[in-house]
Amino acid sequence: MIRLFPATLLLAFFGSTQALAEPIPVTNRVVVTTADLDFTASSGQQRLERRLAIAVIEVCGEASSVDLVGSNAVRRCHHETRAQVSAYARRAIALAQGSSTVALAAR
């Protein structure tokens, strides 16, 4: 039994490194509350923009300036996420203002 323990421990260790080597897809989500905002007023729109900017940072994170690869990935995440939420924000503002023409574009 004593001889099986180290072999079992090594097997467990090497088995777990395989799982650690595989990339794990991560999806971060943040809920932005807008019920208290008046989108018809510029102050409500500005508050929404601030909340969205904070949410983008929470979702994408921040990278160290010495990590160029990580910094580029975070910058790309910020750009793509901001573009997505901006489209939703424009639509919500247009709907709140009673605009009859709301256009959405998708890639």
N, C-alpha and C. Protein backbone atom coordinates (compact mmCIF):
# COMPACT_ATOMS: atom_id res chain seq x y z
N MET A 1 0.82 -1.20 0.00
CA MET A 1 0.00 0.00 0.00
C MET A 1 0.86 1.26 0.00
N ILE A 2 1.99 1.24 0.70
CA ILE A 2 2.86 2.39 0.76
C ILE A 2 3.48 2.66 -0.62
N ARG A 3 3.78 1.61 -1.38
CA ARG A 3 4.37 1.79 -2.69
C ARG A 3 3.35 2.33 -3.70
N LEU A 4 2.09 2.09 -3.52
CA LEU A 4 1.07 2.60 -4.42
C LEU A 4 0.84 4.09 -4.22
N PHE A 5 1.05 4.57 -3.02
CA PHE A 5 0.76 5.97 -2.74
C PHE A 5 1.59 6.93 -3.58
N PRO A 6 2.94 6.79 -3.65
CA PRO A 6 3.70 7.71 -4.49
C PRO A 6 3.33 7.59 -5.97
N ALA A 7 3.04 6.37 -6.44
CA ALA A 7 2.66 6.21 -7.85
C ALA A 7 1.32 6.89 -8.10
N THR A 8 0.40 6.75 -7.17
CA THR A 8 -0.91 7.38 -7.31
C THR A 8 -0.76 8.90 -7.27
N LEU A 9 0.11 9.38 -6.40
CA LEU A 9 0.34 10.81 -6.29
C LEU A 9 0.93 11.37 -7.58
N LEU A 10 1.91 10.66 -8.16
CA LEU A 10 2.50 11.10 -9.42
C LEU A 10 1.47 11.07 -10.55
N LEU A 11 0.66 10.03 -10.59
CA LEU A 11 -0.36 9.93 -11.61
C LEU A 11 -1.37 11.07 -11.48
N ALA A 12 -1.74 11.38 -10.25
CA ALA A 12 -2.68 12.49 -10.04
C ALA A 12 -2.04 13.81 -10.45
N PHE A 13 -0.76 13.99 -10.15
CA PHE A 13 -0.08 15.23 -10.51
C PHE A 13 0.00 15.40 -12.01
N PHE A 14 0.46 14.37 -12.72
CA PHE A 14 0.60 14.47 -14.16
C PHE A 14 -0.75 14.55 -14.86
N GLY A 15 -1.74 13.89 -14.31
CA GLY A 15 -3.08 14.00 -14.87
C GLY A 15 -3.64 15.40 -14.72
N SER A 16 -3.32 16.06 -13.62
CA SER A 16 -3.85 17.41 -13.41
C SER A 16 -3.11 18.45 -14.25
N THR A 17 -1.85 18.22 -14.59
CA THR A 17 -1.14 19.20 -15.42
C THR A 17 -1.71 19.22 -16.82
N GLN A 18 -2.23 18.10 -17.29
CA GLN A 18 -2.86 18.07 -18.60
C GLN A 18 -4.08 18.99 -18.60
N ALA A 19 -4.87 18.94 -17.54
CA ALA A 19 -6.06 19.78 -17.45
C ALA A 19 -5.67 21.25 -17.33
N LEU A 20 -4.57 21.53 -16.67
CA LEU A 20 -4.13 22.91 -16.51
C LEU A 20 -3.60 23.49 -17.82
N ALA A 21 -3.10 22.64 -18.68
CA ALA A 21 -2.51 23.13 -19.93
C ALA A 21 -3.58 23.52 -20.95
N GLU A 22 -4.80 23.02 -20.80
CA GLU A 22 -5.85 23.33 -21.75
C GLU A 22 -6.43 24.71 -21.46
N PRO A 23 -6.65 25.51 -22.49
CA PRO A 23 -7.24 26.84 -22.25
C PRO A 23 -8.69 26.72 -21.80
N ILE A 24 -9.05 27.55 -20.86
CA ILE A 24 -10.40 27.56 -20.33
C ILE A 24 -11.10 28.81 -20.85
N PRO A 25 -12.17 28.63 -21.61
CA PRO A 25 -12.88 29.82 -22.10
C PRO A 25 -13.56 30.55 -20.95
N VAL A 26 -13.35 31.85 -20.91
CA VAL A 26 -13.90 32.66 -19.83
C VAL A 26 -14.80 33.74 -20.43
N THR A 27 -15.99 33.85 -19.88
CA THR A 27 -16.90 34.89 -20.29
C THR A 27 -17.25 35.71 -19.06
N ASN A 28 -16.83 36.94 -19.06
CA ASN A 28 -17.15 37.82 -17.95
C ASN A 28 -18.41 38.60 -18.29
N ARG A 29 -19.25 38.78 -17.29
CA ARG A 29 -20.47 39.54 -17.49
C ARG A 29 -20.64 40.51 -16.34
N VAL A 30 -21.13 41.67 -16.68
CA VAL A 30 -21.43 42.70 -15.69
C VAL A 30 -22.82 43.24 -16.00
N VAL A 31 -23.62 43.40 -14.98
CA VAL A 31 -24.95 43.96 -15.15
C VAL A 31 -24.86 45.46 -14.90
N VAL A 32 -25.35 46.24 -15.85
CA VAL A 32 -25.37 47.70 -15.73
C VAL A 32 -26.82 48.11 -15.51
N THR A 33 -27.09 48.65 -14.35
CA THR A 33 -28.45 49.07 -14.02
C THR A 33 -28.75 50.41 -14.67
N THR A 34 -29.89 50.47 -15.35
CA THR A 34 -30.25 51.70 -16.04
C THR A 34 -31.65 52.19 -15.66
N ALA A 35 -32.34 51.49 -14.78
CA ALA A 35 -33.72 51.84 -14.45
C ALA A 35 -33.83 53.23 -13.84
N ASP A 36 -32.79 53.69 -13.18
CA ASP A 36 -32.84 55.00 -12.52
C ASP A 36 -32.38 56.14 -13.42
N LEU A 37 -32.06 55.85 -14.67
CA LEU A 37 -31.54 56.87 -15.58
C LEU A 37 -32.63 57.40 -16.51
N ASP A 38 -32.56 58.68 -16.78
CA ASP A 38 -33.45 59.32 -17.75
C ASP A 38 -32.64 59.56 -19.01
N PHE A 39 -32.87 58.72 -20.02
CA PHE A 39 -32.09 58.81 -21.25
C PHE A 39 -32.45 60.03 -22.09
N THR A 40 -33.55 60.67 -21.79
CA THR A 40 -33.91 61.86 -22.56
C THR A 40 -33.10 63.07 -22.12
N ALA A 41 -32.50 63.00 -20.94
CA ALA A 41 -31.66 64.10 -20.43
C ALA A 41 -30.19 63.77 -20.68
N SER A 42 -29.42 64.79 -20.97
CA SER A 42 -27.98 64.55 -21.22
C SER A 42 -27.27 64.03 -19.98
N SER A 43 -27.74 64.42 -18.79
CA SER A 43 -27.11 63.92 -17.56
C SER A 43 -27.32 62.41 -17.42
N GLY A 44 -28.48 61.91 -17.82
CA GLY A 44 -28.73 60.47 -17.78
C GLY A 44 -27.86 59.73 -18.78
N GLN A 45 -27.67 60.32 -19.94
CA GLN A 45 -26.82 59.71 -20.95
C GLN A 45 -25.36 59.69 -20.49
N GLN A 46 -24.92 60.75 -19.85
CA GLN A 46 -23.54 60.80 -19.35
C GLN A 46 -23.33 59.78 -18.24
N ARG A 47 -24.31 59.62 -17.36
CA ARG A 47 -24.20 58.63 -16.29
C ARG A 47 -24.14 57.22 -16.89
N LEU A 48 -24.92 56.98 -17.95
CA LEU A 48 -24.87 55.69 -18.62
C LEU A 48 -23.47 55.45 -19.20
N GLU A 49 -22.91 56.46 -19.85
CA GLU A 49 -21.56 56.33 -20.42
C GLU A 49 -20.53 55.99 -19.34
N ARG A 50 -20.62 56.64 -18.19
CA ARG A 50 -19.69 56.35 -17.09
C ARG A 50 -19.86 54.91 -16.60
N ARG A 51 -21.11 54.49 -16.44
CA ARG A 51 -21.36 53.12 -15.98
C ARG A 51 -20.84 52.09 -16.98
N LEU A 52 -21.02 52.37 -18.26
CA LEU A 52 -20.53 51.45 -19.28
C LEU A 52 -19.01 51.41 -19.30
N ALA A 53 -18.37 52.55 -19.12
CA ALA A 53 -16.89 52.58 -19.09
C ALA A 53 -16.37 51.75 -17.92
N ILE A 54 -17.01 51.87 -16.77
CA ILE A 54 -16.60 51.09 -15.60
C ILE A 54 -16.85 49.60 -15.85
N ALA A 55 -17.98 49.27 -16.48
CA ALA A 55 -18.30 47.87 -16.76
C ALA A 55 -17.28 47.26 -17.72
N VAL A 56 -16.86 48.02 -18.71
CA VAL A 56 -15.87 47.51 -19.67
C VAL A 56 -14.56 47.20 -18.94
N ILE A 57 -14.16 48.04 -18.03
CA ILE A 57 -12.93 47.79 -17.26
C ILE A 57 -13.10 46.55 -16.39
N GLU A 58 -14.28 46.39 -15.79
CA GLU A 58 -14.52 45.21 -14.96
C GLU A 58 -14.50 43.93 -15.79
N VAL A 59 -15.04 43.99 -16.99
CA VAL A 59 -15.10 42.80 -17.84
C VAL A 59 -13.72 42.47 -18.41
N CYS A 60 -13.03 43.46 -18.93
CA CYS A 60 -11.76 43.23 -19.62
C CYS A 60 -10.55 43.25 -18.69
N GLY A 61 -10.66 43.95 -17.59
CA GLY A 61 -9.54 44.05 -16.68
C GLY A 61 -8.53 45.09 -17.13
N GLU A 62 -7.43 45.11 -16.44
CA GLU A 62 -6.35 46.02 -16.76
C GLU A 62 -5.05 45.22 -16.78
N ALA A 63 -4.18 45.52 -17.72
CA ALA A 63 -2.92 44.80 -17.85
C ALA A 63 -1.78 45.68 -17.39
N SER A 64 -0.73 45.02 -17.00
CA SER A 64 0.49 45.71 -16.61
C SER A 64 1.13 46.34 -17.86
N SER A 65 1.74 47.48 -17.68
CA SER A 65 2.38 48.15 -18.81
C SER A 65 3.62 47.39 -19.30
N VAL A 66 4.16 46.51 -18.49
CA VAL A 66 5.33 45.74 -18.91
C VAL A 66 4.94 44.47 -19.67
N ASP A 67 3.67 44.10 -19.63
CA ASP A 67 3.18 42.92 -20.33
C ASP A 67 2.55 43.37 -21.65
N LEU A 68 3.35 43.39 -22.72
CA LEU A 68 2.86 43.89 -24.00
C LEU A 68 1.77 43.02 -24.60
N VAL A 69 1.92 41.72 -24.51
CA VAL A 69 0.92 40.81 -25.06
C VAL A 69 -0.39 40.97 -24.29
N GLY A 70 -0.31 40.96 -22.97
CA GLY A 70 -1.50 41.13 -22.15
C GLY A 70 -2.12 42.50 -22.33
N SER A 71 -1.29 43.50 -22.45
CA SER A 71 -1.79 44.86 -22.66
C SER A 71 -2.52 44.99 -23.98
N ASN A 72 -1.99 44.36 -25.02
CA ASN A 72 -2.67 44.38 -26.32
C ASN A 72 -3.99 43.64 -26.27
N ALA A 73 -4.02 42.52 -25.56
CA ALA A 73 -5.26 41.75 -25.45
C ALA A 73 -6.32 42.54 -24.68
N VAL A 74 -5.91 43.21 -23.62
CA VAL A 74 -6.84 44.02 -22.84
C VAL A 74 -7.33 45.20 -23.66
N ARG A 75 -6.45 45.82 -24.40
CA ARG A 75 -6.83 46.95 -25.25
C ARG A 75 -7.84 46.51 -26.32
N ARG A 76 -7.59 45.33 -26.91
CA ARG A 76 -8.51 44.79 -27.92
C ARG A 76 -9.87 44.47 -27.27
N CYS A 77 -9.85 43.89 -26.09
CA CYS A 77 -11.09 43.60 -25.37
C CYS A 77 -11.86 44.87 -25.08
N HIS A 78 -11.16 45.90 -24.61
CA HIS A 78 -11.80 47.19 -24.32
C HIS A 78 -12.47 47.75 -25.59
N HIS A 79 -11.75 47.72 -26.69
CA HIS A 79 -12.26 48.29 -27.95
C HIS A 79 -13.49 47.52 -28.42
N GLU A 80 -13.41 46.20 -28.45
CA GLU A 80 -14.52 45.39 -28.95
C GLU A 80 -15.73 45.45 -28.03
N THR A 81 -15.49 45.38 -26.74
CA THR A 81 -16.59 45.41 -25.78
C THR A 81 -17.26 46.77 -25.78
N ARG A 82 -16.46 47.82 -25.84
CA ARG A 82 -17.02 49.17 -25.87
C ARG A 82 -17.88 49.39 -27.11
N ALA A 83 -17.45 48.86 -28.24
CA ALA A 83 -18.23 48.98 -29.47
C ALA A 83 -19.58 48.27 -29.32
N GLN A 84 -19.57 47.10 -28.70
CA GLN A 84 -20.82 46.36 -28.50
C GLN A 84 -21.78 47.09 -27.58
N VAL A 85 -21.29 47.55 -26.44
CA VAL A 85 -22.20 48.20 -25.49
C VAL A 85 -22.63 49.57 -25.98
N SER A 86 -21.81 50.22 -26.77
CA SER A 86 -22.20 51.52 -27.32
C SER A 86 -23.39 51.38 -28.25
N ALA A 87 -23.41 50.31 -29.03
CA ALA A 87 -24.54 50.08 -29.92
C ALA A 87 -25.82 49.89 -29.12
N TYR A 88 -25.76 49.14 -28.05
CA TYR A 88 -26.94 48.95 -27.20
C TYR A 88 -27.36 50.26 -26.53
N ALA A 89 -26.38 51.03 -26.10
CA ALA A 89 -26.68 52.31 -25.45
C ALA A 89 -27.35 53.27 -26.42
N ARG A 90 -26.83 53.36 -27.64
CA ARG A 90 -27.46 54.24 -28.64
C ARG A 90 -28.89 53.81 -28.91
N ARG A 91 -29.12 52.52 -28.99
CA ARG A 91 -30.47 52.02 -29.24
C ARG A 91 -31.39 52.36 -28.08
N ALA A 92 -30.93 52.16 -26.84
CA ALA A 92 -31.76 52.45 -25.67
C ALA A 92 -32.08 53.94 -25.60
N ILE A 93 -31.11 54.77 -25.89
CA ILE A 93 -31.33 56.23 -25.87
C ILE A 93 -32.31 56.63 -26.96
N ALA A 94 -32.14 56.08 -28.15
CA ALA A 94 -33.05 56.40 -29.25
C ALA A 94 -34.48 55.96 -28.93
N LEU A 95 -34.64 54.80 -28.33
CA LEU A 95 -35.97 54.34 -27.96
C LEU A 95 -36.59 55.22 -26.87
N ALA A 96 -35.77 55.64 -25.92
CA ALA A 96 -36.27 56.50 -24.84
C ALA A 96 -36.69 57.87 -25.36
N GLN A 97 -35.99 58.34 -26.39
CA GLN A 97 -36.31 59.65 -26.95
C GLN A 97 -37.44 59.58 -27.96
N GLY A 98 -37.97 58.39 -28.20
CA GLY A 98 -39.10 58.26 -29.12
C GLY A 98 -38.71 58.29 -30.57
N SER A 99 -37.46 58.00 -30.87
CA SER A 99 -37.03 58.01 -32.26
C SER A 99 -37.74 56.89 -33.02
N SER A 100 -38.24 57.22 -34.19
CA SER A 100 -38.96 56.22 -34.98
C SER A 100 -38.00 55.41 -35.86
N THR A 101 -36.78 55.89 -36.01
CA THR A 101 -35.82 55.18 -36.85
C THR A 101 -34.63 54.75 -36.00
N VAL A 102 -34.56 53.46 -35.74
CA VAL A 102 -33.45 52.90 -35.00
C VAL A 102 -32.79 51.88 -35.92
N ALA A 103 -31.53 52.10 -36.22
CA ALA A 103 -30.82 51.19 -37.12
C ALA A 103 -29.72 50.48 -36.36
N LEU A 104 -29.65 49.18 -36.51
CA LEU A 104 -28.58 48.39 -35.91
C LEU A 104 -27.80 47.73 -37.02
N ALA A 105 -26.52 47.65 -36.84
CA ALA A 105 -25.67 46.99 -37.83
C ALA A 105 -24.96 45.83 -37.16
N ALA A 106 -24.76 44.77 -37.89
CA ALA A 106 -24.05 43.60 -37.36
C ALA A 106 -23.02 43.18 -38.38
N ARG A 107 -21.93 42.61 -37.85
CA ARG A 107 -20.88 42.10 -38.73
C ARG A 107 -21.11 40.65 -38.98
